[in-house]
Protein backbone atom coordinates (compact mmCIF):
# COMPACT_ATOMS: atom_id res chain seq x y z
CA MET A 1 -3.57 -2.93 -21.26
CA VAL A 2 -3.32 -1.88 -17.61
CA PHE A 3 -0.68 -3.29 -15.29
CA LEU A 4 0.84 -2.64 -11.91
CA SER A 5 4.48 -2.63 -10.97
CA GLY A 6 6.16 -1.68 -7.76
CA GLN A 7 9.46 -0.28 -6.66
CA ALA A 8 12.36 -1.96 -8.46
CA THR A 9 16.06 -1.58 -8.20
CA GLU A 10 16.43 -3.19 -11.61
CA PRO A 11 14.80 -2.63 -15.03
CA VAL A 12 11.18 -3.72 -15.43
CA GLU A 13 10.19 -5.24 -18.76
CA VAL A 14 7.15 -3.32 -19.88
CA PRO A 15 4.99 -4.88 -22.65
CA TYR A 16 4.85 -1.90 -25.00
CA LYS A 17 4.61 -2.15 -28.76
CA ASP A 18 6.21 0.41 -31.12
CA GLY A 19 3.86 3.35 -31.72
CA GLU A 20 1.81 2.81 -28.55
CA SER A 21 1.40 5.56 -26.03
CA SER A 22 1.03 5.20 -22.32
CA VAL A 23 -0.16 6.90 -19.16
CA VAL A 24 2.01 6.21 -16.12
CA ILE A 25 0.62 6.89 -12.64
CA SER A 26 3.45 6.87 -10.08
CA PHE A 27 2.55 7.08 -6.43
CA SER A 28 4.66 8.44 -3.63
CA ALA A 29 6.52 5.91 -1.51
CA HIS A 30 3.98 6.16 1.27
CA VAL A 31 1.00 5.10 -0.92
CA TYR A 32 0.24 1.45 -1.21
CA LEU A 33 -2.51 -0.89 -2.45
CA ALA A 34 -4.83 -1.82 0.40
CA TRP A 35 -5.36 -5.40 -0.72
CA ASP A 36 -1.76 -6.34 -1.46
CA ARG A 37 -0.53 -8.50 1.44
CA GLU A 38 3.11 -7.85 0.46
CA PRO A 39 4.54 -4.74 -1.17
CA ARG A 40 4.96 -5.08 -4.97
CA VAL A 41 8.70 -5.05 -5.65
CA GLY A 42 11.07 -6.28 -8.33
CA PRO A 43 10.65 -6.59 -12.07
CA GLU A 44 7.36 -8.50 -12.05
CA ILE A 45 4.18 -6.78 -13.26
CA ARG A 46 0.49 -7.59 -12.57
CA ILE A 47 -1.72 -7.32 -15.63
CA LEU A 48 -5.27 -6.22 -14.75
CA PRO A 49 -8.45 -7.28 -16.59
CA VAL A 50 -9.74 -4.74 -19.13
CA ARG A 51 -13.20 -4.64 -20.65
CA ASP A 52 -15.38 -1.95 -22.22
CA GLU A 53 -12.98 0.95 -21.59
CA MET A 54 -12.71 -0.08 -17.88
CA PHE A 55 -10.16 -2.01 -15.92
CA VAL A 56 -10.69 -4.02 -12.70
CA LEU A 57 -8.53 -3.46 -9.66
CA ASP A 58 -9.26 -5.68 -6.68
CA GLY A 59 -12.96 -6.04 -7.67
CA VAL A 60 -13.51 -2.34 -8.47
CA ASP A 61 -14.29 -1.19 -12.05
CA LEU A 62 -12.36 1.93 -13.00
CA PRO A 63 -12.05 3.89 -16.25
CA LEU A 64 -8.95 3.40 -18.36
CA PRO A 65 -6.49 6.12 -17.42
CA THR A 66 -6.06 9.07 -19.75
CA PHE A 67 -4.14 12.35 -19.22
CA GLU A 68 -7.49 14.06 -18.76
CA ASN A 69 -8.96 11.67 -16.11
CA VAL A 70 -5.89 10.69 -14.08
CA GLU A 71 -6.73 12.85 -10.97
CA PRO A 72 -10.41 11.80 -10.86
CA LEU A 73 -9.25 8.19 -11.35
CA VAL A 74 -6.91 8.39 -8.33
CA ASP A 75 -9.66 10.06 -6.29
CA ALA A 76 -11.99 7.17 -7.20
CA MET A 77 -9.29 4.68 -6.14
CA ILE A 78 -8.99 6.44 -2.77
CA ALA A 79 -12.82 6.60 -2.38
CA ALA A 80 -13.09 2.89 -3.11
CA GLY A 81 -10.50 2.09 -0.38
CA LEU A 82 -7.98 0.75 -2.86
CA LEU A 83 -5.14 3.10 -1.88
CA LEU A 84 -3.80 3.70 1.61
CA SER A 85 -1.02 5.87 3.01
CA ASN A 86 1.55 5.30 5.68
CA ASP A 87 1.96 8.68 7.45
CA LEU A 88 5.28 7.72 9.03
CA VAL A 89 6.74 6.96 5.60
CA ALA A 90 5.09 10.06 4.09
CA ARG A 91 6.86 12.26 6.60
CA ALA A 92 10.18 10.42 6.58
CA PHE A 93 11.60 12.68 3.86
CA SER A 94 9.90 15.86 5.04
CA GLU A 95 11.31 18.69 7.09
CA THR A 96 8.97 17.66 9.91
CA PRO A 97 9.37 13.90 10.29
CA LYS A 98 7.03 12.14 12.64
CA ALA A 99 8.52 11.31 16.02
CA ALA A 100 9.81 7.74 15.77
CA SER A 101 13.10 5.88 16.10
CA SER A 102 15.14 5.51 12.97
CA ARG A 103 14.64 1.75 13.24
CA SER A 104 10.89 2.14 13.32
CA VAL A 105 10.98 4.39 10.27
CA GLN A 106 13.15 1.82 8.46
CA GLN A 107 10.70 -0.95 9.32
CA HIS A 108 7.69 1.03 8.19
CA PHE A 109 9.40 2.08 4.96
CA LYS A 110 10.34 -1.51 4.13
CA GLN A 111 6.86 -2.86 5.03
CA THR A 112 5.16 -0.15 2.89
CA THR A 113 7.44 -0.09 -0.17
CA GLY A 114 9.19 -3.48 -0.05
CA ILE A 115 12.59 -1.82 -0.32
CA THR A 116 14.90 0.12 2.00
CA GLN A 117 15.07 3.89 2.13
CA LYS A 118 18.58 3.69 0.68
CA SER A 119 17.38 1.69 -2.34
CA PHE A 120 14.48 4.14 -2.78
CA GLN A 121 16.88 7.06 -2.73
CA MET A 122 19.18 5.34 -5.27
CA ILE A 123 16.21 4.90 -7.67
CA ARG A 124 15.16 8.47 -7.29
CA ARG A 125 18.72 9.73 -7.80
CA ALA A 126 19.11 7.65 -11.00
CA GLN A 127 15.71 8.96 -12.30
CA GLU A 128 16.84 12.52 -11.60
CA ALA A 129 20.15 11.90 -13.35
CA VAL A 130 18.35 10.54 -16.42
CA ARG A 131 15.94 13.51 -16.42
CA ARG A 132 18.78 15.99 -16.25
CA LEU A 133 20.94 14.22 -18.87
CA LYS A 134 17.97 14.09 -21.26
CA ALA A 135 17.58 17.83 -20.70
CA GLY A 136 21.14 18.25 -22.03
CA GLU A 137 23.05 18.90 -18.82
CA VAL A 138 26.78 18.04 -18.73
CA PRO A 139 27.17 14.50 -17.36
CA ALA A 140 30.11 15.33 -15.03
CA GLY A 141 28.15 18.20 -13.50
CA VAL A 142 25.06 16.02 -13.00
CA ALA A 143 27.18 13.34 -11.30
CA VAL A 144 28.71 15.89 -8.89
CA ASP A 145 25.38 17.67 -8.21
CA LEU A 146 23.66 14.40 -7.34
CA GLY A 147 26.38 13.07 -5.07
CA TYR A 148 27.88 10.35 -7.21
CA THR A 149 31.60 9.79 -6.56
CA ASP A 150 32.26 10.35 -10.26
CA GLN A 151 30.73 10.08 -13.74
CA PRO A 152 31.47 6.33 -14.15
CA HIS A 153 29.65 5.70 -10.83
CA MET A 154 26.62 7.55 -12.11
CA ILE A 155 26.72 5.65 -15.42
CA LYS A 156 26.95 2.24 -13.59
CA SER A 157 24.03 3.19 -11.36
CA ILE A 158 21.86 4.31 -14.27
CA LYS A 159 22.68 1.12 -16.18
CA LYS A 160 21.80 -1.10 -13.22
CA ILE A 161 18.54 0.60 -12.30
CA MET A 162 17.30 1.79 -15.73
CA GLY A 163 18.70 -0.97 -17.91
CA ALA A 164 20.35 1.43 -20.37
CA LEU A 165 23.49 3.47 -20.59
CA PRO A 166 23.14 7.27 -20.57
CA SER A 167 24.38 7.19 -24.20
CA ASN A 168 21.18 5.25 -25.06
CA LEU A 169 18.72 7.26 -23.07
CA ASP A 170 16.04 6.98 -25.72
CA ALA A 171 15.65 3.32 -24.57
CA VAL A 172 14.63 4.60 -21.09
CA HIS A 173 10.99 5.50 -20.64
CA LYS A 174 10.12 9.20 -20.36
CA ILE A 175 10.75 10.56 -16.86
């Protein structure tokens, strides 16, 4: 099965079965699908047709992703014109942002990702908290390091975005 999801500030139900493995390709915020009229946001997924070890994305046949072929697969998606990039969004988080008003950056970010920069930063912060907690770091230290007001604030944020409490991190996909 191959499916697409977008930025989400809430858990996304992923149709996995016990014992299955997966390959997740996550693009930077500035990368978007050329043929999507609206950014893909929220908990909905788009299941793509699969046949003969290939999947079809917007009329283009591509090989099923594996750990070995992921980079050539993304290159093929770019070559086929399936993926585009918004340079203003790409540079929004860099040390050399592109000259633009903050309002213009906000509009480009929302048009490209479907969510605000603040929501995007909240998602990334929760992902980093989960990664660090899974690595065995002390929860209070992680909360302070990542700018949460306190440990309960971090726990509430993780629960809202990831759909699981830090005490049940095995329920959260590998990050």
